[in-house]
N, C-alpha and C. Protein backbone atom coordinates (compact mmCIF):
# COMPACT_ATOMS: atom_id res chain seq x y z
N MET A 1 6.83 8.83 32.19
CA MET A 1 6.71 8.02 33.36
C MET A 1 6.76 6.39 33.19
N LEU A 2 6.04 6.23 32.43
CA LEU A 2 6.17 4.47 31.80
C LEU A 2 7.58 4.15 31.21
N ILE A 3 8.33 5.21 30.82
CA ILE A 3 9.64 4.46 30.23
C ILE A 3 10.71 4.65 31.27
N GLN A 4 10.62 5.33 32.21
CA GLN A 4 11.35 5.51 33.49
C GLN A 4 10.89 4.14 34.32
N GLN A 5 9.99 3.65 34.48
CA GLN A 5 9.24 2.59 35.02
C GLN A 5 9.91 1.51 34.74
N ALA A 6 9.96 1.33 33.24
CA ALA A 6 10.46 0.15 32.40
C ALA A 6 11.94 0.10 32.64
N LYS A 7 12.75 0.86 32.39
CA LYS A 7 13.95 1.30 32.77
C LYS A 7 14.49 0.50 34.11
N ARG A 8 13.67 1.15 35.05
CA ARG A 8 14.34 0.47 36.32
C ARG A 8 13.57 -1.00 36.61
N LEU A 9 12.90 -1.34 35.71
CA LEU A 9 12.50 -2.82 35.59
C LEU A 9 13.67 -3.90 34.96
N GLY A 10 14.65 -3.19 34.27
CA GLY A 10 15.33 -3.61 33.53
C GLY A 10 15.50 -3.71 31.71
N PHE A 11 14.25 -3.08 31.42
CA PHE A 11 13.81 -2.91 30.02
C PHE A 11 15.04 -2.26 29.48
N THR A 12 15.36 -2.49 28.40
CA THR A 12 16.61 -1.53 27.63
C THR A 12 15.26 -0.62 26.80
N LEU A 13 16.37 0.50 26.69
CA LEU A 13 15.64 1.59 25.79
C LEU A 13 15.07 1.32 24.55
N ALA A 14 15.94 0.39 23.50
CA ALA A 14 15.58 -0.29 22.56
C ALA A 14 14.21 -0.78 22.70
N GLU A 15 13.96 -1.80 23.71
CA GLU A 15 12.97 -2.67 23.96
C GLU A 15 11.64 -1.94 23.95
N ILE A 16 11.93 -0.67 25.04
CA ILE A 16 10.77 0.20 25.52
C ILE A 16 10.34 0.87 24.17
N GLN A 17 11.37 1.35 23.04
CA GLN A 17 10.99 1.85 21.86
C GLN A 17 10.21 1.26 21.09
N GLU A 18 10.27 -0.26 20.90
CA GLU A 18 10.03 -1.13 19.97
C GLU A 18 8.42 -1.46 20.86
N TRP A 19 8.51 -1.76 21.71
CA TRP A 19 7.31 -1.81 22.57
C TRP A 19 6.03 -0.81 22.21
N ILE A 20 6.51 0.37 22.54
CA ILE A 20 5.69 1.73 22.17
C ILE A 20 5.40 2.00 20.94
N ARG A 21 6.34 1.68 19.98
CA ARG A 21 6.39 1.81 18.35
C ARG A 21 5.15 0.97 18.02
N ASP A 22 5.38 -0.55 18.56
CA ASP A 22 4.36 -1.75 17.93
C ASP A 22 3.16 -1.21 18.46
N PHE A 23 2.95 -0.68 19.72
CA PHE A 23 1.40 -0.58 20.03
C PHE A 23 0.78 0.49 19.91
N GLU A 24 1.49 1.49 19.33
CA GLU A 24 0.71 2.88 18.88
C GLU A 24 0.50 2.46 17.32
N SER A 25 0.96 1.62 16.54
CA SER A 25 0.82 1.61 15.16
C SER A 25 -0.58 0.41 15.04
N ASP A 26 -1.02 0.01 13.86
CA ASP A 26 -1.98 -0.58 13.77
C ASP A 26 -1.07 -2.07 13.05
N ARG A 27 -0.14 -2.12 13.09
CA ARG A 27 0.24 -3.52 12.93
C ARG A 27 0.13 -4.58 13.54
N LEU A 28 -0.17 -4.47 14.74
CA LEU A 28 -0.32 -5.69 15.95
C LEU A 28 -1.77 -5.93 15.93
N THR A 29 -2.07 -7.10 15.91
CA THR A 29 -3.92 -7.65 16.43
C THR A 29 -3.91 -7.24 17.54
N THR A 30 -5.10 -7.51 18.00
CA THR A 30 -5.03 -7.47 19.35
C THR A 30 -4.58 -8.78 20.22
N ASP A 31 -4.39 -9.88 19.39
CA ASP A 31 -4.08 -11.11 20.16
C ASP A 31 -2.54 -10.95 20.37
N GLU A 32 -1.72 -10.24 19.33
CA GLU A 32 -0.25 -10.18 19.36
C GLU A 32 -0.18 -9.16 20.64
N LYS A 33 -0.84 -8.07 20.48
CA LYS A 33 -0.59 -7.20 21.93
C LYS A 33 -0.86 -7.93 23.24
N GLN A 34 -1.77 -8.55 23.21
CA GLN A 34 -2.05 -9.43 24.55
C GLN A 34 -0.89 -10.58 24.63
N ARG A 35 -0.49 -10.87 23.74
CA ARG A 35 0.70 -12.21 23.86
C ARG A 35 1.90 -11.29 24.34
N ILE A 36 2.32 -10.13 23.72
CA ILE A 36 3.46 -9.38 24.02
C ILE A 36 3.03 -8.74 25.78
N LEU A 37 1.93 -8.40 25.87
CA LEU A 37 1.85 -7.91 27.28
C LEU A 37 2.08 -9.16 28.17
N SER A 38 1.34 -10.33 28.16
CA SER A 38 1.82 -11.18 28.92
C SER A 38 3.03 -11.52 29.12
N GLN A 39 3.89 -11.77 27.85
CA GLN A 39 5.61 -11.89 28.03
C GLN A 39 5.90 -10.74 28.74
N LYS A 40 5.66 -9.65 28.77
CA LYS A 40 6.10 -8.40 29.65
C LYS A 40 6.13 -8.71 30.96
N LEU A 41 4.87 -9.28 31.35
CA LEU A 41 4.23 -9.21 32.67
C LEU A 41 5.19 -10.59 33.37
N GLY A 42 5.46 -11.62 32.63
CA GLY A 42 6.38 -12.70 32.74
C GLY A 42 7.81 -12.18 33.22
N GLN A 43 8.37 -11.39 32.39
CA GLN A 43 9.40 -10.96 32.77
C GLN A 43 9.55 -10.06 34.06
N ILE A 44 8.51 -9.19 34.01
CA ILE A 44 8.46 -8.48 35.37
C ILE A 44 8.31 -9.32 36.54
N ASP A 45 7.46 -10.45 36.46
CA ASP A 45 7.44 -11.28 38.01
C ASP A 45 8.80 -12.38 37.84
N GLU A 46 9.29 -12.55 36.52
CA GLU A 46 10.89 -13.05 36.95
C GLU A 46 11.81 -12.29 37.75
N ARG A 47 11.79 -10.71 37.31
CA ARG A 47 12.39 -9.96 37.89
C ARG A 47 12.28 -9.63 39.38
N ILE A 48 11.08 -9.96 39.85
CA ILE A 48 10.65 -9.65 41.07
C ILE A 48 10.77 -10.53 41.81
N GLU A 49 10.89 -12.25 41.40
CA GLU A 49 11.41 -13.19 41.73
C GLU A 49 12.98 -13.07 42.44
N GLU A 50 13.74 -12.53 41.21
CA GLU A 50 15.17 -12.29 41.24
C GLU A 50 15.61 -11.51 42.63
N LEU A 51 15.10 -10.13 42.63
CA LEU A 51 15.07 -9.17 43.76
C LEU A 51 14.55 -9.51 44.90
N GLY A 52 13.45 -10.54 44.89
CA GLY A 52 13.15 -11.29 46.34
C GLY A 52 14.36 -11.71 47.09
N LYS A 53 14.93 -13.03 46.03
CA LYS A 53 16.24 -13.87 46.17
C LYS A 53 17.38 -12.90 46.63
N MET A 54 17.50 -11.96 46.26
CA MET A 54 18.58 -10.77 46.26
C MET A 54 18.10 -9.80 47.62
N LYS A 55 16.86 -9.84 48.01
CA LYS A 55 16.61 -9.28 49.26
C LYS A 55 16.92 -10.21 50.47
N ILE A 56 16.46 -11.40 50.24
CA ILE A 56 16.80 -12.47 51.26
C ILE A 56 18.27 -12.69 51.40
N TYR A 57 19.01 -13.03 50.86
CA TYR A 57 20.49 -13.00 50.48
C TYR A 57 21.14 -11.62 51.27
N LEU A 58 20.83 -10.43 51.00
CA LEU A 58 21.43 -9.55 51.52
C LEU A 58 21.18 -9.04 52.86
N SER A 59 19.72 -9.77 53.40
CA SER A 59 19.23 -9.53 54.97
C SER A 59 20.21 -10.51 55.65
N ALA A 60 20.37 -11.37 54.80
CA ALA A 60 21.02 -12.71 55.71
C ALA A 60 22.63 -12.22 55.87
N LYS A 61 23.51 -11.66 54.95
CA LYS A 61 24.31 -11.17 55.14
C LYS A 61 24.50 -9.91 56.36
N LEU A 62 23.41 -8.91 56.29
CA LEU A 62 23.36 -8.14 56.91
C LEU A 62 23.32 -8.72 58.76
N GLU A 63 22.40 -9.65 58.73
CA GLU A 63 21.90 -10.35 59.98
C GLU A 63 23.57 -10.76 60.45
N SER A 64 23.80 -11.43 59.54
CA SER A 64 25.27 -12.29 60.05
C SER A 64 26.89 -11.11 60.52
N LEU A 65 26.55 -10.03 59.88
CA LEU A 65 27.35 -8.90 60.14
C LEU A 65 27.09 -8.32 61.68
N HIS A 66 25.54 -8.17 61.89
CA HIS A 66 25.32 -7.68 63.02
C HIS A 66 25.77 -9.13 64.22
N LEU A 67 25.57 -10.10 64.05
CA LEU A 67 25.94 -11.29 65.01
C LEU A 67 27.40 -11.03 65.46
N GLN A 68 28.21 -11.19 64.16
CA GLN A 68 29.56 -11.07 64.51
C GLN A 68 29.99 -9.68 65.21
N GLN A 69 29.42 -8.42 65.14
CA GLN A 69 29.49 -7.37 65.60
C GLN A 69 29.23 -7.35 67.23
N SER A 70 28.24 -8.09 67.45
CA SER A 70 27.76 -8.29 68.75
C SER A 70 28.57 -9.09 69.83
N HIS A 71 29.27 -9.81 69.26
CA HIS A 71 30.44 -11.18 70.05
C HIS A 71 31.77 -10.21 70.28
């Protein structure tokens, strides 16, 4: 489920694999894990913002088409 969700959010399989491998190993300190998670959360926030802008744009286009059709 995590992999599917991460893919839908735009992460590549290579990124997901690296992320899982790093977290399952003892190679990373807690601080490093926190830094990585913070970065991933930032990337998700950026993606949400991009999707929000796209939604606004597409909604405006749809509304424009509805207005044209009613004339």
